[in-house]
Amino acid sequence: MKKTILLMLMFIPLGIIAQEIKIAVVNTQTLFMAMPEISTLETEMANIRKQYESELKTMQDEYNRKNSDLIAQGDSLTDNIKMLRLQEIQDIQTRMENFIPMAQETVTKKQEELIAPIQQKMDKAIKEVGVENGYTYILIDNPQLILFKGPLAIDATDKVKAKLGIK
């Protein structure tokens, strides 16, 4: 009896080691760009950028107009008026200098805000495909991250696309 139990205990580790490890890869860049939400995101981001570009152009036009007026009327203006106009021009320039980084930050935050639910949807689909297909690991198929992808690695990109309803 002891020999049988001992023999069984010796084979238990072999059973654990023999379990199949299934590794899949998903090309998230391809998947992300194929998602229909991306076209909406790109349109919305283009509209936001246009608004900021339009506002900056308005400021630049005002700056150029006031600067041209000052140059054209320069000799006929009193020193006090010249100083006031120069101050106005400098104020516009300062506003533009402050506006550019603020606009860039706002655009970046908005893009992150719009990408987050798309990323979450993709991540959820990847996890569901992993569970449904019994994958031990799903790796991001990125040449900068994966140095070698062997023939046993499964490309699950199409399965995740199907899960998301992407053709």
C-alpha atoms as a PDB file:
ATOM      1  CA  MET A   1       0.000   0.000   0.000  1.00  0.00           C
ATOM      2  CA  LYS A   2       2.809   2.395   0.900  1.00  0.00           C
ATOM      3  CA  LYS A   3       4.535   1.608  -2.398  1.00  0.00           C
ATOM      4  CA  THR A   4       1.375   2.384  -4.356  1.00  0.00           C
ATOM      5  CA  ILE A   5       0.877   5.714  -2.595  1.00  0.00           C
ATOM      6  CA  LEU A   6       4.547   6.548  -3.040  1.00  0.00           C
ATOM      7  CA  LEU A   7       4.360   5.639  -6.735  1.00  0.00           C
ATOM      8  CA  MET A   8       1.244   7.821  -7.183  1.00  0.00           C
ATOM      9  CA  LEU A   9       2.925  10.760  -5.440  1.00  0.00           C
ATOM     10  CA  MET A  10       5.864  10.441  -7.817  1.00  0.00           C
ATOM     11  CA  PHE A  11       3.633  10.743 -10.901  1.00  0.00           C
ATOM     12  CA  ILE A  12       1.550  13.705  -9.663  1.00  0.00           C
ATOM     13  CA  PRO A  13       4.260  16.256 -10.590  1.00  0.00           C
ATOM     14  CA  LEU A  14       4.430  14.779 -14.085  1.00  0.00           C
ATOM     15  CA  GLY A  15       0.702  15.347 -14.485  1.00  0.00           C
ATOM     16  CA  ILE A  16       1.072  18.960 -13.423  1.00  0.00           C
ATOM     17  CA  ILE A  17       3.972  19.537 -15.796  1.00  0.00           C
ATOM     18  CA  ALA A  18       2.164  17.841 -18.659  1.00  0.00           C
ATOM     19  CA  GLN A  19      -0.689  20.349 -18.571  1.00  0.00           C
ATOM     20  CA  GLU A  20      -0.943  22.161 -21.862  1.00  0.00           C
ATOM     21  CA  ILE A  21       0.240  25.744 -21.939  1.00  0.00           C
ATOM     22  CA  LYS A  22      -1.483  27.708 -24.677  1.00  0.00           C
ATOM     23  CA  ILE A  23       0.072  31.023 -25.592  1.00  0.00           C
ATOM     24  CA  ALA A  24      -1.654  33.380 -27.982  1.00  0.00           C
ATOM     25  CA  VAL A  25      -0.647  36.696 -29.446  1.00  0.00           C
ATOM     26  CA  VAL A  26      -2.892  39.586 -30.445  1.00  0.00           C
ATOM     27  CA  ASN A  27      -1.850  42.422 -32.722  1.00  0.00           C
ATOM     28  CA  THR A  28      -3.511  45.206 -30.763  1.00  0.00           C
ATOM     29  CA  GLN A  29      -2.444  47.937 -33.182  1.00  0.00           C
ATOM     30  CA  THR A  30      -4.216  46.254 -36.094  1.00  0.00           C
ATOM     31  CA  LEU A  31      -7.181  45.465 -33.886  1.00  0.00           C
ATOM     32  CA  PHE A  32      -7.415  49.001 -32.491  1.00  0.00           C
ATOM     33  CA  MET A  33      -7.289  50.610 -35.940  1.00  0.00           C
ATOM     34  CA  ALA A  34      -9.992  48.219 -37.219  1.00  0.00           C
ATOM     35  CA  MET A  35     -12.466  49.181 -34.508  1.00  0.00           C
ATOM     36  CA  PRO A  36     -15.336  51.299 -35.875  1.00  0.00           C
ATOM     37  CA  GLU A  37     -15.103  53.707 -32.932  1.00  0.00           C
ATOM     38  CA  ILE A  38     -11.746  54.937 -34.261  1.00  0.00           C
ATOM     39  CA  SER A  39     -13.312  56.829 -37.177  1.00  0.00           C
ATOM     40  CA  THR A  40     -15.594  58.667 -34.728  1.00  0.00           C
ATOM     41  CA  LEU A  41     -12.610  59.415 -32.502  1.00  0.00           C
ATOM     42  CA  GLU A  42     -10.584  60.750 -35.431  1.00  0.00           C
ATOM     43  CA  THR A  43     -13.472  62.971 -36.583  1.00  0.00           C
ATOM     44  CA  GLU A  44     -14.034  64.369 -33.109  1.00  0.00           C
ATOM     45  CA  MET A  45     -10.304  65.009 -32.607  1.00  0.00           C
ATOM     46  CA  ALA A  46     -10.081  66.753 -36.003  1.00  0.00           C
ATOM     47  CA  ASN A  47     -12.995  69.026 -35.000  1.00  0.00           C
ATOM     48  CA  ILE A  48     -11.363  69.898 -31.681  1.00  0.00           C
ATOM     49  CA  ARG A  49      -8.037  70.655 -33.388  1.00  0.00           C
ATOM     50  CA  LYS A  50      -9.824  72.877 -35.938  1.00  0.00           C
ATOM     51  CA  GLN A  51     -11.443  74.872 -33.132  1.00  0.00           C
ATOM     52  CA  TYR A  52      -8.101  75.531 -31.451  1.00  0.00           C
ATOM     53  CA  GLU A  53      -6.390  76.304 -34.774  1.00  0.00           C
ATOM     54  CA  SER A  54      -9.179  78.745 -35.609  1.00  0.00           C
ATOM     55  CA  GLU A  55      -8.822  80.485 -32.246  1.00  0.00           C
ATOM     56  CA  LEU A  56      -5.052  80.726 -32.673  1.00  0.00           C
ATOM     57  CA  LYS A  57      -5.479  82.113 -36.188  1.00  0.00           C
ATOM     58  CA  THR A  58      -7.855  84.766 -34.832  1.00  0.00           C
ATOM     59  CA  MET A  59      -5.234  85.802 -32.284  1.00  0.00           C
ATOM     60  CA  GLN A  60      -2.492  85.838 -34.937  1.00  0.00           C
ATOM     61  CA  ASP A  61      -4.647  87.943 -37.265  1.00  0.00           C
ATOM     62  CA  GLU A  62      -5.337  90.415 -34.454  1.00  0.00           C
ATOM     63  CA  TYR A  63      -1.630  90.532 -33.616  1.00  0.00           C
ATOM     64  CA  ASN A  64      -0.661  91.115 -37.264  1.00  0.00           C
ATOM     65  CA  ARG A  65      -3.360  93.783 -37.760  1.00  0.00           C
ATOM     66  CA  LYS A  66      -2.419  95.742 -34.635  1.00  0.00           C
ATOM     67  CA  ASN A  67       1.274  95.449 -35.451  1.00  0.00           C
ATOM     68  CA  SER A  68       0.693  96.696 -39.030  1.00  0.00           C
ATOM     69  CA  ASP A  69      -1.456  99.573 -37.763  1.00  0.00           C
ATOM     70  CA  LEU A  70       1.246 100.582 -35.312  1.00  0.00           C
ATOM     71  CA  ILE A  71       3.905 100.535 -38.013  1.00  0.00           C
ATOM     72  CA  ALA A  72       1.682 102.487 -40.442  1.00  0.00           C
ATOM     73  CA  GLN A  73       0.678 105.117 -37.875  1.00  0.00           C
ATOM     74  CA  GLY A  74       3.905 105.033 -35.882  1.00  0.00           C
ATOM     75  CA  ASP A  75       5.153 108.568 -36.608  1.00  0.00           C
ATOM     76  CA  SER A  76       1.757 110.216 -36.171  1.00  0.00           C
ATOM     77  CA  LEU A  77       1.042 108.719 -32.713  1.00  0.00           C
ATOM     78  CA  THR A  78       2.046 110.237 -29.425  1.00  0.00           C
ATOM     79  CA  ASP A  79       4.480 108.326 -27.247  1.00  0.00           C
ATOM     80  CA  ASN A  80       1.744 107.373 -24.752  1.00  0.00           C
ATOM     81  CA  ILE A  81      -0.495 105.931 -27.464  1.00  0.00           C
ATOM     82  CA  LYS A  82       2.474 104.067 -28.989  1.00  0.00           C
ATOM     83  CA  MET A  83       3.218 102.541 -25.592  1.00  0.00           C
ATOM     84  CA  LEU A  84      -0.432 101.508 -25.145  1.00  0.00           C
ATOM     85  CA  ARG A  85      -0.517  99.898 -28.585  1.00  0.00           C
ATOM     86  CA  LEU A  86       2.815  98.119 -27.969  1.00  0.00           C
ATOM     87  CA  GLN A  87       1.403  96.824 -24.689  1.00  0.00           C
ATOM     88  CA  GLU A  88      -1.696  95.536 -26.515  1.00  0.00           C
ATOM     89  CA  ILE A  89       0.518  93.750 -29.043  1.00  0.00           C
ATOM     90  CA  GLN A  90       2.630  92.220 -26.269  1.00  0.00           C
ATOM     91  CA  ASP A  91      -0.527  91.103 -24.458  1.00  0.00           C
ATOM     92  CA  ILE A  92      -1.754  89.330 -27.581  1.00  0.00           C
ATOM     93  CA  GLN A  93       1.645  87.678 -28.010  1.00  0.00           C
ATOM     94  CA  THR A  94       1.590  86.515 -24.380  1.00  0.00           C
ATOM     95  CA  ARG A  95      -1.940  85.127 -24.836  1.00  0.00           C
ATOM     96  CA  MET A  96      -0.783  83.180 -27.899  1.00  0.00           C
ATOM     97  CA  GLU A  97       2.254  81.838 -26.046  1.00  0.00           C
ATOM     98  CA  ASN A  98       0.028  80.663 -23.183  1.00  0.00           C
ATOM     99  CA  PHE A  99      -2.688  79.385 -25.497  1.00  0.00           C
ATOM    100  CA  ILE A 100      -0.536  76.926 -27.483  1.00  0.00           C
ATOM    101  CA  PRO A 101       0.573  74.649 -24.593  1.00  0.00           C
ATOM    102  CA  MET A 102      -2.874  74.860 -22.995  1.00  0.00           C
ATOM    103  CA  ALA A 103      -4.496  73.795 -26.274  1.00  0.00           C
ATOM    104  CA  GLN A 104      -2.021  70.931 -26.728  1.00  0.00           C
ATOM    105  CA  GLU A 105      -2.676  69.699 -23.195  1.00  0.00           C
ATOM    106  CA  THR A 106      -6.438  69.905 -23.651  1.00  0.00           C
ATOM    107  CA  VAL A 107      -6.289  68.027 -26.966  1.00  0.00           C
ATOM    108  CA  THR A 108      -4.107  65.309 -25.432  1.00  0.00           C
ATOM    109  CA  LYS A 109      -6.466  64.900 -22.440  1.00  0.00           C
ATOM    110  CA  LYS A 110      -9.502  64.721 -24.723  1.00  0.00           C
ATOM    111  CA  GLN A 111      -7.807  62.097 -26.892  1.00  0.00           C
ATOM    112  CA  GLU A 112      -6.965  60.002 -23.829  1.00  0.00           C
ATOM    113  CA  GLU A 113     -10.547  60.397 -22.614  1.00  0.00           C
ATOM    114  CA  LEU A 114     -11.933  59.187 -25.951  1.00  0.00           C
ATOM    115  CA  ILE A 115      -9.441  56.311 -26.292  1.00  0.00           C
ATOM    116  CA  ALA A 116     -10.033  54.889 -22.794  1.00  0.00           C
ATOM    117  CA  PRO A 117     -13.447  53.242 -23.465  1.00  0.00           C
ATOM    118  CA  ILE A 118     -12.215  51.855 -26.791  1.00  0.00           C
ATOM    119  CA  GLN A 119      -9.157  50.388 -25.065  1.00  0.00           C
ATOM    120  CA  GLN A 120     -11.347  48.920 -22.306  1.00  0.00           C
ATOM    121  CA  LYS A 121     -13.654  47.329 -24.871  1.00  0.00           C
ATOM    122  CA  MET A 122     -10.679  45.789 -26.687  1.00  0.00           C
ATOM    123  CA  ASP A 123      -9.114  44.542 -23.426  1.00  0.00           C
ATOM    124  CA  LYS A 124     -12.417  42.972 -22.363  1.00  0.00           C
ATOM    125  CA  ALA A 125     -12.735  41.153 -25.695  1.00  0.00           C
ATOM    126  CA  ILE A 126      -9.146  39.880 -25.450  1.00  0.00           C
ATOM    127  CA  LYS A 127      -9.817  38.525 -21.948  1.00  0.00           C
ATOM    128  CA  GLU A 128     -13.051  36.864 -23.076  1.00  0.00           C
ATOM    129  CA  VAL A 129     -11.291  35.203 -26.030  1.00  0.00           C
ATOM    130  CA  GLY A 130      -8.565  34.038 -23.655  1.00  0.00           C
ATOM    131  CA  VAL A 131     -11.077  32.436 -21.296  1.00  0.00           C
ATOM    132  CA  GLU A 132     -13.199  30.926 -24.106  1.00  0.00           C
ATOM    133  CA  ASN A 133     -10.191  29.362 -25.820  1.00  0.00           C
ATOM    134  CA  GLY A 134      -8.323  28.298 -22.684  1.00  0.00           C
ATOM    135  CA  TYR A 135      -5.215  30.368 -23.339  1.00  0.00           C
ATOM    136  CA  THR A 136      -2.694  30.442 -20.533  1.00  0.00           C
ATOM    137  CA  TYR A 137      -1.287  33.756 -21.751  1.00  0.00           C
ATOM    138  CA  ILE A 138      -2.165  36.302 -24.399  1.00  0.00           C
ATOM    139  CA  LEU A 139       0.722  38.528 -25.404  1.00  0.00           C
ATOM    140  CA  ILE A 140       0.692  41.729 -27.423  1.00  0.00           C
ATOM    141  CA  ASP A 141       2.202  40.965 -30.817  1.00  0.00           C
ATOM    142  CA  ASN A 142       4.719  43.767 -31.034  1.00  0.00           C
ATOM    143  CA  PRO A 143       8.201  43.275 -32.520  1.00  0.00           C
ATOM    144  CA  GLN A 144       9.622  45.602 -29.871  1.00  0.00           C
ATOM    145  CA  LEU A 145       8.232  43.430 -27.056  1.00  0.00           C
ATOM    146  CA  ILE A 146       8.428  39.899 -28.437  1.00  0.00           C
ATOM    147  CA  LEU A 147      11.835  38.863 -29.651  1.00  0.00           C
ATOM    148  CA  PHE A 148      10.726  35.446 -30.879  1.00  0.00           C
ATOM    149  CA  LYS A 149       7.336  33.992 -31.713  1.00  0.00           C
ATOM    150  CA  GLY A 150       7.478  30.247 -32.140  1.00  0.00           C
ATOM    151  CA  PRO A 151       5.279  28.137 -34.394  1.00  0.00           C
ATOM    152  CA  LEU A 152       3.127  27.034 -31.456  1.00  0.00           C
ATOM    153  CA  ALA A 153       2.082  30.585 -30.616  1.00  0.00           C
ATOM    154  CA  ILE A 154      -1.501  31.141 -31.658  1.00  0.00           C
ATOM    155  CA  ASP A 155      -2.513  34.401 -33.345  1.00  0.00           C
ATOM    156  CA  ALA A 156      -5.809  35.275 -31.689  1.00  0.00           C
ATOM    157  CA  THR A 157      -6.264  38.632 -33.446  1.00  0.00           C
ATOM    158  CA  ASP A 158      -9.015  37.310 -35.742  1.00  0.00           C
ATOM    159  CA  LYS A 159     -10.854  35.712 -32.816  1.00  0.00           C
ATOM    160  CA  VAL A 160     -10.823  39.020 -30.927  1.00  0.00           C
ATOM    161  CA  LYS A 161     -11.998  40.828 -34.076  1.00  0.00           C
ATOM    162  CA  ALA A 162     -14.871  38.383 -34.344  1.00  0.00           C
ATOM    163  CA  LYS A 163     -15.674  38.922 -30.657  1.00  0.00           C
ATOM    164  CA  LEU A 164     -15.832  42.674 -31.327  1.00  0.00           C
ATOM    165  CA  GLY A 165     -17.880  42.183 -34.497  1.00  0.00           C
ATOM    166  CA  ILE A 166     -15.106  43.477 -36.759  1.00  0.00           C
ATOM    167  CA  LYS A 167     -14.593  41.917 -40.155  1.00  0.00           C
END
